[in-house]
Amino acid sequence: MTNGNLVSILTTVYNRGKFLADCIESVLTSTFHDWEMIIVDDCSRDNSVETANHYAGKDPRIKVFVNETNLGDYLNRNKAASYATGKYLKYLDADDMIYPHGLEIFVKTMEQFPEAALGISQEVAEDNQPYPFIMSPRETYRREFLKRGVLGMGPTGTIIRREVFEELGGFSGTRYIGDTEMWYKIAAKYPVVKMVPGLVYWRKHENQEFLKGTGNYFYLENSFKLAKNTLDQPNVPLTLTEVTKARNNLNRRFARGILKLAITGKEPVKAMKIARSCKVKIWTIIFLAFLWK
């Protein structure tokens, strides 16, 4: 049990002054009240700190910290978690919002399934049963690597049991995919609960990390490397046959992505550079994309 609030809302900030007030206001309208909100500014150059301090002066549940040096996205998420006292960690990015009922459902669903270490609010195609429902490590990995995926949600759409987050050492600091990396670690060892979708508002804007990672093809290269490394781990909760099939699926998707970048995207040099970085030869890419069944 925790000596603090039941849930710690963690909001990391870097030049998000134009959105931060909306984020904080969304928390203040929550139907669930047993929370603390930890805002950690990562050396912003706008009015983010002033906005955060304004709200902290109005509600003692809001606590503001300012880093002495810029840590970057995921290391700052770890910093925010280090201040948390709650049983659960609920990341809420500074440019996003949570709906009034959202926090209550996040927390109560986790309380309903005490064996779960991670909760995800996202509807995907193969969710074919009523929410909420629990998935064992093997079921989660089968859906993630053998079907169409089930762990593709950023921190704002999740809730994490704090003791497990700390046990696994927090985020590694890998940019863009640090969340997926953590979800893989959690899901390999603990059950995951799928809960009602639509609990948060994920704002789209031109300065998002997600768009940056897509635009520079970081995801194409590094998501492949992460998935490949994950499937190579001795604790992967799949049979050898399933691992082989998962690797084949992964390789085929990567090959198609590389060819799309080279042909449709008209960036063959970039495509070849990524393929070499991933240690995949061009003839293998062509074979996998067109011949593998």
C-alpha atoms as a PDB file:
ATOM      1  CA  MET A   1       0.000   0.000   0.000  1.00  0.00           C
ATOM      2  CA  THR A   2       1.020   3.607  -0.456  1.00  0.00           C
ATOM      3  CA  ASN A   3       1.297   6.357   2.118  1.00  0.00           C
ATOM      4  CA  GLY A   4       0.351   8.968  -0.476  1.00  0.00           C
ATOM      5  CA  ASN A   5      -2.506   9.436  -2.897  1.00  0.00           C
ATOM      6  CA  LEU A   6      -3.886   6.439  -4.737  1.00  0.00           C
ATOM      7  CA  VAL A   7      -2.686   7.734  -8.106  1.00  0.00           C
ATOM      8  CA  SER A   8       0.119  10.066  -9.147  1.00  0.00           C
ATOM      9  CA  ILE A   9      -0.581  11.997 -12.333  1.00  0.00           C
ATOM     10  CA  LEU A  10       2.745  12.702 -14.013  1.00  0.00           C
ATOM     11  CA  THR A  11       3.000  15.570 -16.484  1.00  0.00           C
ATOM     12  CA  THR A  12       6.362  16.265 -18.063  1.00  0.00           C
ATOM     13  CA  VAL A  13       6.730  19.618 -19.772  1.00  0.00           C
ATOM     14  CA  TYR A  14       9.000  21.146 -22.380  1.00  0.00           C
ATOM     15  CA  ASN A  15       7.688  24.299 -24.043  1.00  0.00           C
ATOM     16  CA  ARG A  16       4.046  23.296 -23.747  1.00  0.00           C
ATOM     17  CA  GLY A  17       2.755  26.550 -22.276  1.00  0.00           C
ATOM     18  CA  LYS A  18       0.030  26.912 -24.920  1.00  0.00           C
ATOM     19  CA  PHE A  19      -1.506  23.554 -23.925  1.00  0.00           C
ATOM     20  CA  LEU A  20      -0.642  23.101 -20.239  1.00  0.00           C
ATOM     21  CA  ALA A  21      -3.611  24.962 -18.768  1.00  0.00           C
ATOM     22  CA  ASP A  22      -6.038  22.709 -20.676  1.00  0.00           C
ATOM     23  CA  CYS A  23      -4.176  19.661 -19.375  1.00  0.00           C
ATOM     24  CA  ILE A  24      -4.321  20.766 -15.739  1.00  0.00           C
ATOM     25  CA  GLU A  25      -7.933  21.924 -15.982  1.00  0.00           C
ATOM     26  CA  SER A  26      -8.918  18.489 -17.285  1.00  0.00           C
ATOM     27  CA  VAL A  27      -7.473  16.898 -14.138  1.00  0.00           C
ATOM     28  CA  LEU A  28      -9.232  19.377 -11.876  1.00  0.00           C
ATOM     29  CA  THR A  29     -12.624  18.388 -13.337  1.00  0.00           C
ATOM     30  CA  SER A  30     -12.066  14.683 -12.622  1.00  0.00           C
ATOM     31  CA  THR A  31     -14.781  12.777 -10.786  1.00  0.00           C
ATOM     32  CA  PHE A  32     -11.971  10.971  -8.931  1.00  0.00           C
ATOM     33  CA  HIS A  33     -10.245  13.078  -6.289  1.00  0.00           C
ATOM     34  CA  ASP A  34      -7.586  10.928  -4.590  1.00  0.00           C
ATOM     35  CA  TRP A  35      -4.689  12.126  -6.734  1.00  0.00           C
ATOM     36  CA  GLU A  36      -1.550  14.168  -6.788  1.00  0.00           C
ATOM     37  CA  MET A  37      -0.365  15.890  -9.938  1.00  0.00           C
ATOM     38  CA  ILE A  38       3.382  16.114 -10.407  1.00  0.00           C
ATOM     39  CA  ILE A  39       4.509  18.559 -13.074  1.00  0.00           C
ATOM     40  CA  VAL A  40       8.185  18.465 -14.030  1.00  0.00           C
ATOM     41  CA  ASP A  41       9.461  21.155 -16.359  1.00  0.00           C
ATOM     42  CA  ASP A  42      12.482  20.267 -18.486  1.00  0.00           C
ATOM     43  CA  CYS A  43      14.004  23.752 -18.926  1.00  0.00           C
ATOM     44  CA  SER A  44      11.188  25.275 -20.953  1.00  0.00           C
ATOM     45  CA  ARG A  45      11.757  28.652 -22.581  1.00  0.00           C
ATOM     46  CA  ASP A  46       8.099  29.669 -22.638  1.00  0.00           C
ATOM     47  CA  ASN A  47       5.529  30.308 -19.892  1.00  0.00           C
ATOM     48  CA  SER A  48       5.109  26.644 -18.881  1.00  0.00           C
ATOM     49  CA  VAL A  49       6.541  27.083 -15.371  1.00  0.00           C
ATOM     50  CA  GLU A  50       4.455  30.180 -14.702  1.00  0.00           C
ATOM     51  CA  THR A  51       1.304  28.343 -15.764  1.00  0.00           C
ATOM     52  CA  ALA A  52       2.126  25.312 -13.616  1.00  0.00           C
ATOM     53  CA  ASN A  53       2.910  27.449 -10.558  1.00  0.00           C
ATOM     54  CA  HIS A  54      -0.339  29.359 -11.017  1.00  0.00           C
ATOM     55  CA  TYR A  55      -2.347  26.181 -10.625  1.00  0.00           C
ATOM     56  CA  ALA A  56      -0.122  24.814  -7.846  1.00  0.00           C
ATOM     57  CA  GLY A  57      -0.945  27.937  -5.865  1.00  0.00           C
ATOM     58  CA  LYS A  58      -4.644  27.148  -6.184  1.00  0.00           C
ATOM     59  CA  ASP A  59      -4.581  23.397  -5.415  1.00  0.00           C
ATOM     60  CA  PRO A  60      -2.079  21.760  -3.019  1.00  0.00           C
ATOM     61  CA  ARG A  61      -2.408  18.444  -4.849  1.00  0.00           C
ATOM     62  CA  ILE A  62      -0.442  19.982  -7.715  1.00  0.00           C
ATOM     63  CA  LYS A  63       3.333  19.971  -7.231  1.00  0.00           C
ATOM     64  CA  VAL A  64       5.791  21.654  -9.600  1.00  0.00           C
ATOM     65  CA  PHE A  65       9.454  20.774 -10.106  1.00  0.00           C
ATOM     66  CA  VAL A  66      11.934  22.391 -12.492  1.00  0.00           C
ATOM     67  CA  ASN A  67      14.977  20.502 -13.770  1.00  0.00           C
ATOM     68  CA  GLU A  68      18.371  22.182 -13.585  1.00  0.00           C
ATOM     69  CA  THR A  69      19.361  20.677 -16.942  1.00  0.00           C
ATOM     70  CA  ASN A  70      17.333  19.306 -19.853  1.00  0.00           C
ATOM     71  CA  LEU A  71      16.871  15.545 -19.464  1.00  0.00           C
ATOM     72  CA  GLY A  72      14.852  14.738 -22.570  1.00  0.00           C
ATOM     73  CA  ASP A  73      11.490  13.009 -22.851  1.00  0.00           C
ATOM     74  CA  TYR A  74      11.818   9.632 -21.163  1.00  0.00           C
ATOM     75  CA  LEU A  75      14.453  10.497 -18.580  1.00  0.00           C
ATOM     76  CA  ASN A  76      12.189  13.328 -17.499  1.00  0.00           C
ATOM     77  CA  ARG A  77       9.349  10.828 -17.209  1.00  0.00           C
ATOM     78  CA  ASN A  78      11.576   8.869 -14.822  1.00  0.00           C
ATOM     79  CA  LYS A  79      12.275  12.058 -12.895  1.00  0.00           C
ATOM     80  CA  ALA A  80       8.567  12.681 -12.506  1.00  0.00           C
ATOM     81  CA  ALA A  81       8.025   9.112 -11.309  1.00  0.00           C
ATOM     82  CA  SER A  82      10.747   9.570  -8.683  1.00  0.00           C
ATOM     83  CA  TYR A  83       8.574  12.192  -6.960  1.00  0.00           C
ATOM     84  CA  ALA A  84       5.450   9.998  -7.005  1.00  0.00           C
ATOM     85  CA  THR A  85       3.847   8.603  -3.872  1.00  0.00           C
ATOM     86  CA  GLY A  86       0.821   6.945  -5.481  1.00  0.00           C
ATOM     87  CA  LYS A  87       0.100   3.275  -5.924  1.00  0.00           C
ATOM     88  CA  TYR A  88      -0.382   3.971  -9.625  1.00  0.00           C
ATOM     89  CA  LEU A  89       1.433   6.169 -12.142  1.00  0.00           C
ATOM     90  CA  LYS A  90      -0.813   7.937 -14.627  1.00  0.00           C
ATOM     91  CA  TYR A  91       1.156   9.809 -17.256  1.00  0.00           C
ATOM     92  CA  LEU A  92      -0.718  12.702 -18.806  1.00  0.00           C
ATOM     93  CA  ASP A  93       1.321  14.557 -21.384  1.00  0.00           C
ATOM     94  CA  ALA A  94       1.202  18.344 -21.191  1.00  0.00           C
ATOM     95  CA  ASP A  95      -0.459  18.658 -24.593  1.00  0.00           C
ATOM     96  CA  ASP A  96      -3.158  16.068 -23.808  1.00  0.00           C
ATOM     97  CA  MET A  97      -6.250  16.000 -21.604  1.00  0.00           C
ATOM     98  CA  ILE A  98      -8.160  13.435 -19.566  1.00  0.00           C
ATOM     99  CA  TYR A  99     -11.948  13.326 -19.626  1.00  0.00           C
ATOM    100  CA  PRO A 100     -13.804  13.899 -16.310  1.00  0.00           C
ATOM    101  CA  HIS A 101     -14.642  10.198 -15.888  1.00  0.00           C
ATOM    102  CA  GLY A 102     -11.285   8.993 -17.188  1.00  0.00           C
ATOM    103  CA  LEU A 103      -9.165   8.959 -14.058  1.00  0.00           C
ATOM    104  CA  GLU A 104     -11.861   7.194 -12.047  1.00  0.00           C
ATOM    105  CA  ILE A 105     -12.144   4.404 -14.613  1.00  0.00           C
ATOM    106  CA  PHE A 106      -8.365   4.040 -14.915  1.00  0.00           C
ATOM    107  CA  VAL A 107      -7.915   3.639 -11.163  1.00  0.00           C
ATOM    108  CA  LYS A 108     -11.001   1.551 -10.390  1.00  0.00           C
ATOM    109  CA  THR A 109     -10.222  -0.863 -13.221  1.00  0.00           C
ATOM    110  CA  MET A 110      -6.709  -1.418 -11.868  1.00  0.00           C
ATOM    111  CA  GLU A 111      -8.181  -1.988  -8.412  1.00  0.00           C
ATOM    112  CA  GLN A 112     -10.564  -4.523  -9.951  1.00  0.00           C
ATOM    113  CA  PHE A 113      -7.612  -6.468 -11.389  1.00  0.00           C
ATOM    114  CA  PRO A 114      -4.869  -6.364  -8.741  1.00  0.00           C
ATOM    115  CA  GLU A 115      -2.737  -8.865 -10.654  1.00  0.00           C
ATOM    116  CA  ALA A 116      -2.345  -6.433 -13.576  1.00  0.00           C
ATOM    117  CA  ALA A 117       0.720  -4.195 -13.765  1.00  0.00           C
ATOM    118  CA  LEU A 118      -0.338  -2.169 -16.806  1.00  0.00           C
ATOM    119  CA  GLY A 119      -3.694  -0.840 -17.945  1.00  0.00           C
ATOM    120  CA  ILE A 120      -4.359   0.345 -21.495  1.00  0.00           C
ATOM    121  CA  SER A 121      -7.286   2.432 -22.725  1.00  0.00           C
ATOM    122  CA  GLN A 122      -7.351   1.824 -26.450  1.00  0.00           C
ATOM    123  CA  GLU A 123      -9.667   0.003 -28.817  1.00  0.00           C
ATOM    124  CA  VAL A 124      -7.996  -2.217 -31.394  1.00  0.00           C
ATOM    125  CA  ALA A 125      -9.503  -4.460 -34.047  1.00  0.00           C
ATOM    126  CA  GLU A 126      -9.141  -7.734 -32.154  1.00  0.00           C
ATOM    127  CA  ASP A 127     -10.739  -6.585 -28.898  1.00  0.00           C
ATOM    128  CA  ASN A 128     -13.664  -8.967 -29.275  1.00  0.00           C
ATOM    129  CA  GLN A 129     -14.982  -9.068 -25.707  1.00  0.00           C
ATOM    130  CA  PRO A 130     -16.471  -6.522 -23.318  1.00  0.00           C
ATOM    131  CA  TYR A 131     -14.142  -4.179 -21.433  1.00  0.00           C
ATOM    132  CA  PRO A 132     -12.439  -4.481 -19.081  1.00  0.00           C
ATOM    133  CA  PHE A 133     -10.619  -7.769 -19.543  1.00  0.00           C
ATOM    134  CA  ILE A 134      -7.300  -9.193 -18.418  1.00  0.00           C
ATOM    135  CA  MET A 135      -4.610 -10.661 -20.666  1.00  0.00           C
ATOM    136  CA  SER A 136      -1.891 -13.052 -19.508  1.00  0.00           C
ATOM    137  CA  PRO A 137       1.686 -12.417 -20.677  1.00  0.00           C
ATOM    138  CA  ARG A 138       1.359 -15.088 -23.367  1.00  0.00           C
ATOM    139  CA  GLU A 139      -1.957 -13.707 -24.601  1.00  0.00           C
ATOM    140  CA  THR A 140      -0.569 -10.167 -24.739  1.00  0.00           C
ATOM    141  CA  TYR A 141       2.521 -11.267 -26.652  1.00  0.00           C
ATOM    142  CA  ARG A 142       0.501 -13.413 -29.043  1.00  0.00           C
ATOM    143  CA  ARG A 143      -1.713 -10.443 -29.858  1.00  0.00           C
ATOM    144  CA  GLU A 144       1.238  -8.072 -30.136  1.00  0.00           C
ATOM    145  CA  PHE A 145       3.502 -10.204 -32.318  1.00  0.00           C
ATOM    146  CA  LEU A 146       1.219 -12.719 -34.049  1.00  0.00           C
ATOM    147  CA  LYS A 147      -1.836 -10.565 -34.678  1.00  0.00           C
ATOM    148  CA  ARG A 148      -2.353  -6.833 -35.258  1.00  0.00           C
ATOM    149  CA  GLY A 149      -0.899  -5.501 -32.021  1.00  0.00           C
ATOM    150  CA  VAL A 150      -2.226  -4.536 -28.615  1.00  0.00           C
ATOM    151  CA  LEU A 151       0.527  -2.444 -26.983  1.00  0.00           C
ATOM    152  CA  GLY A 152       0.633   0.483 -29.380  1.00  0.00           C
ATOM    153  CA  MET A 153      -0.516   3.197 -26.990  1.00  0.00           C
ATOM    154  CA  GLY A 154       1.554   6.056 -25.614  1.00  0.00           C
ATOM    155  CA  PRO A 155       1.891   6.859 -21.902  1.00  0.00           C
ATOM    156  CA  THR A 156      -1.173   9.140 -21.812  1.00  0.00           C
ATOM    157  CA  GLY A 157      -3.428   6.159 -22.598  1.00  0.00           C
ATOM    158  CA  THR A 158      -1.989   3.910 -19.911  1.00  0.00           C
ATOM    159  CA  ILE A 159      -1.762   3.470 -16.157  1.00  0.00           C
ATOM    160  CA  ILE A 160       1.093   1.633 -14.439  1.00  0.00           C
ATOM    161  CA  ARG A 161       1.476  -0.035 -11.061  1.00  0.00           C
ATOM    162  CA  ARG A 162       4.290   2.010  -9.521  1.00  0.00           C
ATOM    163  CA  GLU A 163       6.056  -0.850  -7.742  1.00  0.00           C
ATOM    164  CA  VAL A 164       6.434  -2.703 -11.051  1.00  0.00           C
ATOM    165  CA  PHE A 165       7.709   0.396 -12.836  1.00  0.00           C
ATOM    166  CA  GLU A 166      10.351   0.805 -10.140  1.00  0.00           C
ATOM    167  CA  GLU A 167      11.186  -2.909 -10.153  1.00  0.00           C
ATOM    168  CA  LEU A 168      11.926  -2.755 -13.882  1.00  0.00           C
ATOM    169  CA  GLY A 169      14.076   0.358 -13.524  1.00  0.00           C
ATOM    170  CA  GLY A 170      11.817   2.827 -15.310  1.00  0.00           C
ATOM    171  CA  PHE A 171      12.268   3.960 -18.892  1.00  0.00           C
ATOM    172  CA  SER A 172      15.644   3.363 -20.511  1.00  0.00           C
ATOM    173  CA  GLY A 173      15.742   6.809 -22.065  1.00  0.00           C
ATOM    174  CA  THR A 174      15.350   5.605 -25.655  1.00  0.00           C
ATOM    175  CA  ARG A 175      13.668   8.385 -27.612  1.00  0.00           C
ATOM    176  CA  TYR A 176      10.285   7.868 -29.277  1.00  0.00           C
ATOM    177  CA  ILE A 177       9.918   4.141 -28.440  1.00  0.00           C
ATOM    178  CA  GLY A 178      10.779   4.178 -24.736  1.00  0.00           C
ATOM    179  CA  ASP A 179       7.131   3.548 -23.877  1.00  0.00           C
ATOM    180  CA  THR A 180       6.800   0.482 -26.123  1.00  0.00           C
ATOM    181  CA  GLU A 181      10.061  -0.838 -24.701  1.00  0.00           C
ATOM    182  CA  MET A 182       8.613  -0.579 -21.183  1.00  0.00           C
ATOM    183  CA  TRP A 183       5.279  -2.142 -22.174  1.00  0.00           C
ATOM    184  CA  TYR A 184       7.159  -5.140 -23.585  1.00  0.00           C
ATOM    185  CA  LYS A 185       9.072  -5.548 -20.329  1.00  0.00           C
ATOM    186  CA  ILE A 186       5.942  -5.325 -18.202  1.00  0.00           C
ATOM    187  CA  ALA A 187       3.838  -7.573 -20.433  1.00  0.00           C
ATOM    188  CA  ALA A 188       6.504 -10.303 -20.494  1.00  0.00           C
ATOM    189  CA  LYS A 189       6.132 -10.744 -16.754  1.00  0.00           C
ATOM    190  CA  TYR A 190       2.729  -9.426 -15.641  1.00  0.00           C
ATOM    191  CA  PRO A 191      -0.882  -9.450 -16.855  1.00  0.00           C
ATOM    192  CA  VAL A 192      -2.181  -6.422 -18.769  1.00  0.00           C
ATOM    193  CA  VAL A 193      -5.746  -5.134 -18.467  1.00  0.00           C
ATOM    194  CA  LYS A 194      -7.612  -3.668 -21.429  1.00  0.00           C
ATOM    195  CA  MET A 195     -10.082  -1.077 -20.272  1.00  0.00           C
ATOM    196  CA  VAL A 196     -12.748   1.147 -21.779  1.00  0.00           C
ATOM    197  CA  PRO A 197     -11.290   3.204 -24.647  1.00  0.00           C
ATOM    198  CA  GLY A 198     -11.690   6.946 -25.058  1.00  0.00           C
ATOM    199  CA  LEU A 199     -10.643   8.042 -21.560  1.00  0.00           C
ATOM    200  CA  VAL A 200      -8.151  10.636 -22.756  1.00  0.00           C
ATOM    201  CA  TYR A 201      -7.846  13.217 -25.503  1.00  0.00           C
ATOM    202  CA  TRP A 202      -4.619  12.814 -27.469  1.00  0.00           C
ATOM    203  CA  ARG A 203      -3.966  16.159 -29.094  1.00  0.00           C
ATOM    204  CA  LYS A 204      -2.454  16.225 -32.576  1.00  0.00           C
ATOM    205  CA  HIS A 205      -0.176  19.122 -33.478  1.00  0.00           C
ATOM    206  CA  GLU A 206       2.865  19.810 -35.612  1.00  0.00           C
ATOM    207  CA  ASN A 207       5.414  19.691 -32.783  1.00  0.00           C
ATOM    208  CA  GLN A 208       4.590  16.224 -31.436  1.00  0.00           C
ATOM    209  CA  GLU A 209       7.333  13.721 -30.724  1.00  0.00           C
ATOM    210  CA  PHE A 210       5.268  11.088 -32.521  1.00  0.00           C
ATOM    211  CA  LEU A 211       5.234  13.088 -35.751  1.00  0.00           C
ATOM    212  CA  LYS A 212       8.954  13.755 -35.491  1.00  0.00           C
ATOM    213  CA  GLY A 213       9.675  10.039 -35.077  1.00  0.00           C
ATOM    214  CA  THR A 214       7.476   9.209 -38.047  1.00  0.00           C
ATOM    215  CA  GLY A 215       8.923  11.937 -40.236  1.00  0.00           C
ATOM    216  CA  ASN A 216      12.546  10.877 -39.745  1.00  0.00           C
ATOM    217  CA  TYR A 217      11.723   7.128 -40.065  1.00  0.00           C
ATOM    218  CA  PHE A 218      13.007   6.438 -36.563  1.00  0.00           C
ATOM    219  CA  TYR A 219      10.075   4.082 -35.941  1.00  0.00           C
ATOM    220  CA  LEU A 220      10.696   2.014 -39.060  1.00  0.00           C
ATOM    221  CA  GLU A 221      14.263   1.315 -37.987  1.00  0.00           C
ATOM    222  CA  ASN A 222      14.125   1.195 -34.226  1.00  0.00           C
ATOM    223  CA  SER A 223      10.736  -0.435 -33.709  1.00  0.00           C
ATOM    224  CA  PHE A 224      12.088  -3.328 -35.790  1.00  0.00           C
ATOM    225  CA  LYS A 225      15.239  -3.528 -33.670  1.00  0.00           C
ATOM    226  CA  LEU A 226      13.233  -3.366 -30.435  1.00  0.00           C
ATOM    227  CA  ALA A 227      10.785  -6.078 -31.491  1.00  0.00           C
ATOM    228  CA  LYS A 228      13.585  -8.313 -32.752  1.00  0.00           C
ATOM    229  CA  ASN A 229      15.520  -7.927 -29.506  1.00  0.00           C
ATOM    230  CA  THR A 230      12.372  -8.569 -27.470  1.00  0.00           C
ATOM    231  CA  LEU A 231      11.673 -11.816 -29.308  1.00  0.00           C
ATOM    232  CA  ASP A 232      15.263 -12.895 -28.649  1.00  0.00           C
ATOM    233  CA  GLN A 233      14.878 -12.615 -24.884  1.00  0.00           C
ATOM    234  CA  PRO A 234      14.894 -15.883 -22.890  1.00  0.00           C
ATOM    235  CA  ASN A 235      11.795 -14.855 -20.924  1.00  0.00           C
ATOM    236  CA  VAL A 236       9.608 -14.221 -23.961  1.00  0.00           C
ATOM    237  CA  PRO A 237       6.209 -15.806 -23.106  1.00  0.00           C
ATOM    238  CA  LEU A 238       5.784 -17.595 -26.425  1.00  0.00           C
ATOM    239  CA  THR A 239       6.544 -21.099 -27.662  1.00  0.00           C
ATOM    240  CA  LEU A 240       9.486 -21.625 -30.021  1.00  0.00           C
ATOM    241  CA  THR A 241       7.063 -22.118 -32.902  1.00  0.00           C
ATOM    242  CA  GLU A 242       5.291 -18.865 -32.043  1.00  0.00           C
ATOM    243  CA  VAL A 243       8.589 -16.997 -31.799  1.00  0.00           C
ATOM    244  CA  THR A 244       9.584 -18.238 -35.254  1.00  0.00           C
ATOM    245  CA  LYS A 245       6.268 -17.130 -36.720  1.00  0.00           C
ATOM    246  CA  ALA A 246       6.521 -13.775 -34.943  1.00  0.00           C
ATOM    247  CA  ARG A 247      10.001 -13.197 -36.383  1.00  0.00           C
ATOM    248  CA  ASN A 248       8.732 -14.008 -39.870  1.00  0.00           C
ATOM    249  CA  ASN A 249       5.842 -11.558 -39.467  1.00  0.00           C
ATOM    250  CA  LEU A 250       8.205  -8.893 -38.183  1.00  0.00           C
ATOM    251  CA  ASN A 251      10.666  -9.375 -41.032  1.00  0.00           C
ATOM    252  CA  ARG A 252       7.951  -9.220 -43.647  1.00  0.00           C
ATOM    253  CA  ARG A 253       6.477  -5.978 -42.256  1.00  0.00           C
ATOM    254  CA  PHE A 254       9.939  -4.445 -42.120  1.00  0.00           C
ATOM    255  CA  ALA A 255      10.680  -5.464 -45.705  1.00  0.00           C
ATOM    256  CA  ARG A 256       7.463  -3.891 -46.934  1.00  0.00           C
ATOM    257  CA  GLY A 257       8.241  -0.717 -44.982  1.00  0.00           C
ATOM    258  CA  ILE A 258      11.695  -0.486 -46.526  1.00  0.00           C
ATOM    259  CA  LEU A 259      10.373  -0.969 -50.058  1.00  0.00           C
ATOM    260  CA  LYS A 260       7.628   1.588 -49.460  1.00  0.00           C
ATOM    261  CA  LEU A 261      10.222   4.101 -48.288  1.00  0.00           C
ATOM    262  CA  ALA A 262      12.466   3.383 -51.289  1.00  0.00           C
ATOM    263  CA  ILE A 263       9.785   3.322 -53.995  1.00  0.00           C
ATOM    264  CA  THR A 264       6.735   5.258 -52.835  1.00  0.00           C
ATOM    265  CA  GLY A 265       8.688   7.596 -50.599  1.00  0.00           C
ATOM    266  CA  LYS A 266      11.418   7.979 -53.224  1.00  0.00           C
ATOM    267  CA  GLU A 267      14.192   7.714 -50.654  1.00  0.00           C
ATOM    268  CA  PRO A 268      16.212   4.651 -51.705  1.00  0.00           C
ATOM    269  CA  VAL A 269      19.405   5.867 -50.016  1.00  0.00           C
ATOM    270  CA  LYS A 270      17.619   6.316 -46.697  1.00  0.00           C
ATOM    271  CA  ALA A 271      15.962   2.917 -47.120  1.00  0.00           C
ATOM    272  CA  MET A 272      19.286   1.179 -47.744  1.00  0.00           C
ATOM    273  CA  LYS A 273      20.861   2.931 -44.764  1.00  0.00           C
ATOM    274  CA  ILE A 274      18.083   1.705 -42.470  1.00  0.00           C
ATOM    275  CA  ALA A 275      18.293  -1.828 -43.912  1.00  0.00           C
ATOM    276  CA  ARG A 276      22.051  -1.933 -43.287  1.00  0.00           C
ATOM    277  CA  SER A 277      21.559  -0.611 -39.759  1.00  0.00           C
ATOM    278  CA  CYS A 278      19.117  -3.455 -39.143  1.00  0.00           C
ATOM    279  CA  LYS A 279      21.496  -5.964 -40.768  1.00  0.00           C
ATOM    280  CA  VAL A 280      18.980  -6.989 -43.420  1.00  0.00           C
ATOM    281  CA  LYS A 281      20.218  -7.474 -47.001  1.00  0.00           C
ATOM    282  CA  ILE A 282      18.348  -6.051 -49.974  1.00  0.00           C
ATOM    283  CA  TRP A 283      17.734  -9.451 -51.606  1.00  0.00           C
ATOM    284  CA  THR A 284      16.211 -10.637 -48.327  1.00  0.00           C
ATOM    285  CA  ILE A 285      13.918  -7.603 -48.266  1.00  0.00           C
ATOM    286  CA  ILE A 286      12.690  -8.287 -51.800  1.00  0.00           C
ATOM    287  CA  PHE A 287      12.153 -11.977 -51.067  1.00  0.00           C
ATOM    288  CA  LEU A 288      10.282 -11.326 -47.813  1.00  0.00           C
ATOM    289  CA  ALA A 289       8.093  -8.605 -49.249  1.00  0.00           C
ATOM    290  CA  PHE A 290       6.921 -10.532 -52.301  1.00  0.00           C
ATOM    291  CA  LEU A 291       7.551 -14.268 -51.887  1.00  0.00           C
ATOM    292  CA  TRP A 292       7.217 -15.216 -48.226  1.00  0.00           C
ATOM    293  CA  LYS A 293       3.869 -16.799 -47.344  1.00  0.00           C
END
